[in-house]
Amino acid sequence: MAEFKYEITERIAVLSTNNKGWERQLNMISWNDHDPKYDIRDWSPDGSKMSKGISMTRDELVILKDILNELEL
C-alpha cells in the first residue's frame, strides 16, 4: 500500500464523540503536501488513528452549505 502524508493545518470543530472516545472532527488537512481541504472524519482519542472520511474543497463545501440551508431539519 502506498504511503501518504497528512498535516492537520487547522482544527475547526468537534461534531460528536462516540462511546469509545473517537471524535468526528471538521479540520483543514493537507494531504501529500497539496493545498489543505476541509475534512470530516473520526479520530481516535489520542489522534493516532483515523477512519475513512470525506475531504472537500472550499467550493464543494459552499455547495454543500447551500444545500443544507435549503433543507428543513
PDB file of N, CA and C in Angstrom:
ATOM      1  N   MET A   1       0.846  -1.182   0.000  1.00  0.00           N
ATOM      2  CA  MET A   1       0.000   0.000   0.000  1.00  0.00           C
ATOM      3  C   MET A   1       0.886   1.238   0.000  1.00  0.00           C
ATOM      4  N   ALA A   2       0.543   2.215  -0.795  1.00  0.00           N
ATOM      5  CA  ALA A   2       1.334   3.435  -0.919  1.00  0.00           C
ATOM      6  C   ALA A   2       1.248   4.261   0.363  1.00  0.00           C
ATOM      7  N   GLU A   3       2.379   4.852   0.712  1.00  0.00           N
ATOM      8  CA  GLU A   3       2.418   5.744   1.871  1.00  0.00           C
ATOM      9  C   GLU A   3       1.751   7.068   1.519  1.00  0.00           C
ATOM     10  N   PHE A   4       1.146   7.692   2.514  1.00  0.00           N
ATOM     11  CA  PHE A   4       0.604   9.023   2.306  1.00  0.00           C
ATOM     12  C   PHE A   4       0.944   9.873   3.511  1.00  0.00           C
ATOM     13  N   LYS A   5       1.012  11.165   3.266  1.00  0.00           N
ATOM     14  CA  LYS A   5       1.319  12.121   4.321  1.00  0.00           C
ATOM     15  C   LYS A   5       0.109  13.005   4.526  1.00  0.00           C
ATOM     16  N   TYR A   6      -0.046  13.462   5.756  1.00  0.00           N
ATOM     17  CA  TYR A   6      -1.096  14.434   6.023  1.00  0.00           C
ATOM     18  C   TYR A   6      -0.634  15.365   7.126  1.00  0.00           C
ATOM     19  N   GLU A   7      -1.165  16.554   7.092  1.00  0.00           N
ATOM     20  CA  GLU A   7      -0.907  17.533   8.141  1.00  0.00           C
ATOM     21  C   GLU A   7      -2.209  18.266   8.437  1.00  0.00           C
ATOM     22  N   ILE A   8      -2.639  18.221   9.681  1.00  0.00           N
ATOM     23  CA  ILE A   8      -3.812  18.990  10.088  1.00  0.00           C
ATOM     24  C   ILE A   8      -3.347  20.428  10.239  1.00  0.00           C
ATOM     25  N   THR A   9      -3.798  21.287   9.344  1.00  0.00           N
ATOM     26  CA  THR A   9      -3.356  22.679   9.363  1.00  0.00           C
ATOM     27  C   THR A   9      -4.259  23.557  10.226  1.00  0.00           C
ATOM     28  N   GLU A  10      -5.502  23.105  10.448  1.00  0.00           N
ATOM     29  CA  GLU A  10      -6.421  23.856  11.313  1.00  0.00           C
ATOM     30  C   GLU A  10      -7.473  22.904  11.868  1.00  0.00           C
ATOM     31  N   ARG A  11      -7.637  22.927  13.174  1.00  0.00           N
ATOM     32  CA  ARG A  11      -8.709  22.169  13.822  1.00  0.00           C
ATOM     33  C   ARG A  11      -9.888  23.123  13.960  1.00  0.00           C
ATOM     34  N   ILE A  12     -10.999  22.783  13.310  1.00  0.00           N
ATOM     35  CA  ILE A  12     -12.138  23.696  13.255  1.00  0.00           C
ATOM     36  C   ILE A  12     -13.182  23.363  14.314  1.00  0.00           C
ATOM     37  N   ALA A  13     -13.607  22.079  14.394  1.00  0.00           N
ATOM     38  CA  ALA A  13     -14.677  21.743  15.339  1.00  0.00           C
ATOM     39  C   ALA A  13     -14.737  20.248  15.582  1.00  0.00           C
ATOM     40  N   VAL A  14     -15.242  19.899  16.768  1.00  0.00           N
ATOM     41  CA  VAL A  14     -15.627  18.521  17.071  1.00  0.00           C
ATOM     42  C   VAL A  14     -17.132  18.449  16.882  1.00  0.00           C
ATOM     43  N   LEU A  15     -17.588  17.564  15.996  1.00  0.00           N
ATOM     44  CA  LEU A  15     -19.007  17.441  15.697  1.00  0.00           C
ATOM     45  C   LEU A  15     -19.712  16.478  16.643  1.00  0.00           C
ATOM     46  N   SER A  16     -19.005  15.430  17.077  1.00  0.00           N
ATOM     47  CA  SER A  16     -19.579  14.470  18.022  1.00  0.00           C
ATOM     48  C   SER A  16     -18.457  13.606  18.588  1.00  0.00           C
ATOM     49  N   THR A  17     -18.790  12.884  19.656  1.00  0.00           N
ATOM     50  CA  THR A  17     -17.872  11.931  20.279  1.00  0.00           C
ATOM     51  C   THR A  17     -18.648  10.652  20.538  1.00  0.00           C
ATOM     52  N   ASN A  18     -18.079   9.494  20.142  1.00  0.00           N
ATOM     53  CA  ASN A  18     -18.789   8.238  20.377  1.00  0.00           C
ATOM     54  C   ASN A  18     -18.413   7.658  21.736  1.00  0.00           C
ATOM     55  N   ASN A  19     -19.016   6.514  22.084  1.00  0.00           N
ATOM     56  CA  ASN A  19     -18.807   5.941  23.413  1.00  0.00           C
ATOM     57  C   ASN A  19     -17.405   5.360  23.613  1.00  0.00           C
ATOM     58  N   LYS A  20     -16.619   5.245  22.551  1.00  0.00           N
ATOM     59  CA  LYS A  20     -15.228   4.795  22.680  1.00  0.00           C
ATOM     60  C   LYS A  20     -14.259   5.975  22.706  1.00  0.00           C
ATOM     61  N   GLY A  21     -14.788   7.189  22.663  1.00  0.00           N
ATOM     62  CA  GLY A  21     -13.951   8.383  22.732  1.00  0.00           C
ATOM     63  C   GLY A  21     -13.489   8.930  21.404  1.00  0.00           C
ATOM     64  N   TRP A  22     -13.850   8.244  20.306  1.00  0.00           N
ATOM     65  CA  TRP A  22     -13.473   8.765  18.990  1.00  0.00           C
ATOM     66  C   TRP A  22     -14.288  10.018  18.695  1.00  0.00           C
ATOM     67  N   GLU A  23     -13.637  11.027  18.118  1.00  0.00           N
ATOM     68  CA  GLU A  23     -14.300  12.290  17.791  1.00  0.00           C
ATOM     69  C   GLU A  23     -14.467  12.437  16.287  1.00  0.00           C
ATOM     70  N   ARG A  24     -15.655  12.831  15.875  1.00  0.00           N
ATOM     71  CA  ARG A  24     -15.881  13.225  14.483  1.00  0.00           C
ATOM     72  C   ARG A  24     -15.512  14.699  14.408  1.00  0.00           C
ATOM     73  N   GLN A  25     -14.511  15.008  13.603  1.00  0.00           N
ATOM     74  CA  GLN A  25     -13.962  16.364  13.557  1.00  0.00           C
ATOM     75  C   GLN A  25     -14.061  16.966  12.162  1.00  0.00           C
ATOM     76  N   LEU A  26     -14.186  18.283  12.142  1.00  0.00           N
ATOM     77  CA  LEU A  26     -14.038  19.068  10.922  1.00  0.00           C
ATOM     78  C   LEU A  26     -12.704  19.781  11.036  1.00  0.00           C
ATOM     79  N   ASN A  27     -11.805  19.479  10.100  1.00  0.00           N
ATOM     80  CA  ASN A  27     -10.463  20.047  10.105  1.00  0.00           C
ATOM     81  C   ASN A  27     -10.084  20.497   8.698  1.00  0.00           C
ATOM     82  N   MET A  28      -9.035  21.275   8.621  1.00  0.00           N
ATOM     83  CA  MET A  28      -8.357  21.547   7.356  1.00  0.00           C
ATOM     84  C   MET A  28      -7.134  20.638   7.340  1.00  0.00           C
ATOM     85  N   ILE A  29      -7.020  19.809   6.279  1.00  0.00           N
ATOM     86  CA  ILE A  29      -5.916  18.858   6.191  1.00  0.00           C
ATOM     87  C   ILE A  29      -5.249  18.961   4.827  1.00  0.00           C
ATOM     88  N   SER A  30      -3.928  18.997   4.869  1.00  0.00           N
ATOM     89  CA  SER A  30      -3.125  18.925   3.648  1.00  0.00           C
ATOM     90  C   SER A  30      -2.735  17.460   3.452  1.00  0.00           C
ATOM     91  N   TRP A  31      -3.159  16.888   2.338  1.00  0.00           N
ATOM     92  CA  TRP A  31      -2.841  15.502   2.007  1.00  0.00           C
ATOM     93  C   TRP A  31      -1.695  15.481   1.005  1.00  0.00           C
ATOM     94  N   ASN A  32      -0.629  14.767   1.323  1.00  0.00           N
ATOM     95  CA  ASN A  32       0.521  14.611   0.420  1.00  0.00           C
ATOM     96  C   ASN A  32       1.046  15.947  -0.089  1.00  0.00           C
ATOM     97  N   ASP A  33       1.153  16.901   0.819  1.00  0.00           N
ATOM     98  CA  ASP A  33       1.724  18.228   0.534  1.00  0.00           C
ATOM     99  C   ASP A  33       0.905  19.060  -0.448  1.00  0.00           C
ATOM    100  N   HIS A  34      -0.360  18.714  -0.674  1.00  0.00           N
ATOM    101  CA  HIS A  34      -1.233  19.514  -1.534  1.00  0.00           C
ATOM    102  C   HIS A  34      -1.918  20.580  -0.692  1.00  0.00           C
ATOM    103  N   ASP A  35      -2.643  21.477  -1.364  1.00  0.00           N
ATOM    104  CA  ASP A  35      -3.370  22.510  -0.650  1.00  0.00           C
ATOM    105  C   ASP A  35      -4.347  21.875   0.330  1.00  0.00           C
ATOM    106  N   PRO A  36      -4.502  22.470   1.518  1.00  0.00           N
ATOM    107  CA  PRO A  36      -5.430  21.918   2.503  1.00  0.00           C
ATOM    108  C   PRO A  36      -6.875  21.912   2.002  1.00  0.00           C
ATOM    109  N   LYS A  37      -7.616  20.892   2.449  1.00  0.00           N
ATOM    110  CA  LYS A  37      -9.039  20.774   2.141  1.00  0.00           C
ATOM    111  C   LYS A  37      -9.807  20.617   3.446  1.00  0.00           C
ATOM    112  N   TYR A  38     -11.092  20.954   3.400  1.00  0.00           N
ATOM    113  CA  TYR A  38     -11.962  20.686   4.537  1.00  0.00           C
ATOM    114  C   TYR A  38     -12.144  19.186   4.632  1.00  0.00           C
ATOM    115  N   ASP A  39     -12.110  18.659   5.837  1.00  0.00           N
ATOM    116  CA  ASP A  39     -12.117  17.215   6.014  1.00  0.00           C
ATOM    117  C   ASP A  39     -12.977  16.840   7.211  1.00  0.00           C
ATOM    118  N   ILE A  40     -13.873  15.860   7.020  1.00  0.00           N
ATOM    119  CA  ILE A  40     -14.698  15.338   8.101  1.00  0.00           C
ATOM    120  C   ILE A  40     -14.392  13.856   8.235  1.00  0.00           C
ATOM    121  N   ARG A  41     -13.960  13.436   9.430  1.00  0.00           N
ATOM    122  CA  ARG A  41     -13.707  12.022   9.711  1.00  0.00           C
ATOM    123  C   ARG A  41     -13.585  11.837  11.220  1.00  0.00           C
ATOM    124  N   ASP A  42     -13.605  10.568  11.649  1.00  0.00           N
ATOM    125  CA  ASP A  42     -13.447  10.233  13.059  1.00  0.00           C
ATOM    126  C   ASP A  42     -11.963  10.043  13.371  1.00  0.00           C
ATOM    127  N   TRP A  43     -11.575  10.485  14.577  1.00  0.00           N
ATOM    128  CA  TRP A  43     -10.200  10.355  15.057  1.00  0.00           C
ATOM    129  C   TRP A  43     -10.200   9.662  16.411  1.00  0.00           C
ATOM    130  N   SER A  44      -9.211   8.803  16.629  1.00  0.00           N
ATOM    131  CA  SER A  44      -9.077   8.124  17.911  1.00  0.00           C
ATOM    132  C   SER A  44      -8.780   9.148  19.004  1.00  0.00           C
ATOM    133  N   PRO A  45      -9.002   8.757  20.271  1.00  0.00           N
ATOM    134  CA  PRO A  45      -8.793   9.715  21.368  1.00  0.00           C
ATOM    135  C   PRO A  45      -7.398  10.342  21.398  1.00  0.00           C
ATOM    136  N   ASP A  46      -6.368   9.577  21.038  1.00  0.00           N
ATOM    137  CA  ASP A  46      -5.019  10.149  21.054  1.00  0.00           C
ATOM    138  C   ASP A  46      -4.601  10.740  19.709  1.00  0.00           C
ATOM    139  N   GLY A  47      -5.494  10.691  18.708  1.00  0.00           N
ATOM    140  CA  GLY A  47      -5.213  11.282  17.403  1.00  0.00           C
ATOM    141  C   GLY A  47      -4.289  10.467  16.521  1.00  0.00           C
ATOM    142  N   SER A  48      -3.981   9.240  16.924  1.00  0.00           N
ATOM    143  CA  SER A  48      -3.026   8.436  16.152  1.00  0.00           C
ATOM    144  C   SER A  48      -3.686   7.624  15.029  1.00  0.00           C
ATOM    145  N   LYS A  49      -5.013   7.447  15.096  1.00  0.00           N
ATOM    146  CA  LYS A  49      -5.729   6.676  14.082  1.00  0.00           C
ATOM    147  C   LYS A  49      -6.900   7.485  13.563  1.00  0.00           C
ATOM    148  N   MET A  50      -7.242   7.219  12.297  1.00  0.00           N
ATOM    149  CA  MET A  50      -8.368   7.903  11.684  1.00  0.00           C
ATOM    150  C   MET A  50      -9.239   6.904  10.952  1.00  0.00           C
ATOM    151  N   SER A  51     -10.506   7.262  10.782  1.00  0.00           N
ATOM    152  CA  SER A  51     -11.423   6.443   9.996  1.00  0.00           C
ATOM    153  C   SER A  51     -11.460   6.977   8.570  1.00  0.00           C
ATOM    154  N   LYS A  52     -12.222   6.294   7.726  1.00  0.00           N
ATOM    155  CA  LYS A  52     -12.487   6.850   6.405  1.00  0.00           C
ATOM    156  C   LYS A  52     -13.299   8.116   6.589  1.00  0.00           C
ATOM    157  N   GLY A  53     -13.127   9.040   5.684  1.00  0.00           N
ATOM    158  CA  GLY A  53     -13.840  10.297   5.786  1.00  0.00           C
ATOM    159  C   GLY A  53     -14.052  10.911   4.421  1.00  0.00           C
ATOM    160  N   ILE A  54     -14.315  12.196   4.438  1.00  0.00           N
ATOM    161  CA  ILE A  54     -14.537  12.924   3.189  1.00  0.00           C
ATOM    162  C   ILE A  54     -13.778  14.244   3.261  1.00  0.00           C
ATOM    163  N   SER A  55     -13.120  14.577   2.150  1.00  0.00           N
ATOM    164  CA  SER A  55     -12.420  15.850   2.015  1.00  0.00           C
ATOM    165  C   SER A  55     -13.083  16.651   0.915  1.00  0.00           C
ATOM    166  N   MET A  56     -13.205  17.954   1.130  1.00  0.00           N
ATOM    167  CA  MET A  56     -13.878  18.829   0.170  1.00  0.00           C
ATOM    168  C   MET A  56     -13.091  20.112  -0.021  1.00  0.00           C
ATOM    169  N   THR A  57     -13.129  20.604  -1.234  1.00  0.00           N
ATOM    170  CA  THR A  57     -12.577  21.928  -1.496  1.00  0.00           C
ATOM    171  C   THR A  57     -13.523  22.978  -0.919  1.00  0.00           C
ATOM    172  N   ARG A  58     -13.077  24.210  -0.877  1.00  0.00           N
ATOM    173  CA  ARG A  58     -13.931  25.298  -0.403  1.00  0.00           C
ATOM    174  C   ARG A  58     -15.188  25.396  -1.276  1.00  0.00           C
ATOM    175  N   ASP A  59     -15.021  25.297  -2.590  1.00  0.00           N
ATOM    176  CA  ASP A  59     -16.171  25.391  -3.496  1.00  0.00           C
ATOM    177  C   ASP A  59     -17.188  24.283  -3.229  1.00  0.00           C
ATOM    178  N   GLU A  60     -16.713  23.064  -2.997  1.00  0.00           N
ATOM    179  CA  GLU A  60     -17.617  21.958  -2.688  1.00  0.00           C
ATOM    180  C   GLU A  60     -18.328  22.186  -1.361  1.00  0.00           C
ATOM    181  N   LEU A  61     -17.606  22.724  -0.377  1.00  0.00           N
ATOM    182  CA  LEU A  61     -18.214  23.000   0.928  1.00  0.00           C
ATOM    183  C   LEU A  61     -19.275  24.082   0.817  1.00  0.00           C
ATOM    184  N   VAL A  62     -19.056  25.078  -0.013  1.00  0.00           N
ATOM    185  CA  VAL A  62     -20.050  26.138  -0.232  1.00  0.00           C
ATOM    186  C   VAL A  62     -21.321  25.541  -0.845  1.00  0.00           C
ATOM    187  N   ILE A  63     -21.176  24.651  -1.817  1.00  0.00           N
ATOM    188  CA  ILE A  63     -22.344  23.996  -2.424  1.00  0.00           C
ATOM    189  C   ILE A  63     -23.090  23.184  -1.379  1.00  0.00           C
ATOM    190  N   LEU A  64     -22.361  22.420  -0.572  1.00  0.00           N
ATOM    191  CA  LEU A  64     -22.999  21.635   0.494  1.00  0.00           C
ATOM    192  C   LEU A  64     -23.712  22.536   1.487  1.00  0.00           C
ATOM    193  N   LYS A  65     -23.100  23.644   1.857  1.00  0.00           N
ATOM    194  CA  LYS A  65     -23.726  24.597   2.781  1.00  0.00           C
ATOM    195  C   LYS A  65     -25.037  25.120   2.212  1.00  0.00           C
ATOM    196  N   ASP A  66     -25.049  25.466   0.929  1.00  0.00           N
ATOM    197  CA  ASP A  66     -26.278  25.953   0.287  1.00  0.00           C
ATOM    198  C   ASP A  66     -27.368  24.882   0.308  1.00  0.00           C
ATOM    199  N   ILE A  67     -26.985  23.641   0.036  1.00  0.00           N
ATOM    200  CA  ILE A  67     -27.954  22.546   0.061  1.00  0.00           C
ATOM    201  C   ILE A  67     -28.525  22.365   1.468  1.00  0.00           C
ATOM    202  N   LEU A  68     -27.648  22.371   2.475  1.00  0.00           N
ATOM    203  CA  LEU A  68     -28.095  22.190   3.857  1.00  0.00           C
ATOM    204  C   LEU A  68     -29.000  23.343   4.305  1.00  0.00           C
ATOM    205  N   ASN A  69     -28.703  24.547   3.845  1.00  0.00           N
ATOM    206  CA  ASN A  69     -29.535  25.695   4.216  1.00  0.00           C
ATOM    207  C   ASN A  69     -30.946  25.566   3.667  1.00  0.00           C
ATOM    208  N   GLU A  70     -31.102  24.845   2.554  1.00  0.00           N
ATOM    209  CA  GLU A  70     -32.419  24.665   1.954  1.00  0.00           C
ATOM    210  C   GLU A  70     -33.237  23.544   2.605  1.00  0.00           C
ATOM    211  N   LEU A  71     -32.570  22.665   3.340  1.00  0.00           N
ATOM    212  CA  LEU A  71     -33.263  21.548   3.985  1.00  0.00           C
ATOM    213  C   LEU A  71     -34.013  22.022   5.233  1.00  0.00           C
ATOM    214  N   GLU A  72     -35.148  21.400   5.470  1.00  0.00           N
ATOM    215  CA  GLU A  72     -35.860  21.639   6.737  1.00  0.00           C
ATOM    216  C   GLU A  72     -35.419  20.577   7.697  1.00  0.00           C
ATOM    217  N   LEU A  73     -34.605  20.950   8.659  1.00  0.00           N
ATOM    218  CA  LEU A  73     -34.064  19.984   9.625  1.00  0.00           C
ATOM    219  C   LEU A  73     -34.808  20.079  10.938  1.00  0.00           C
TER     220      LEU A  73
END
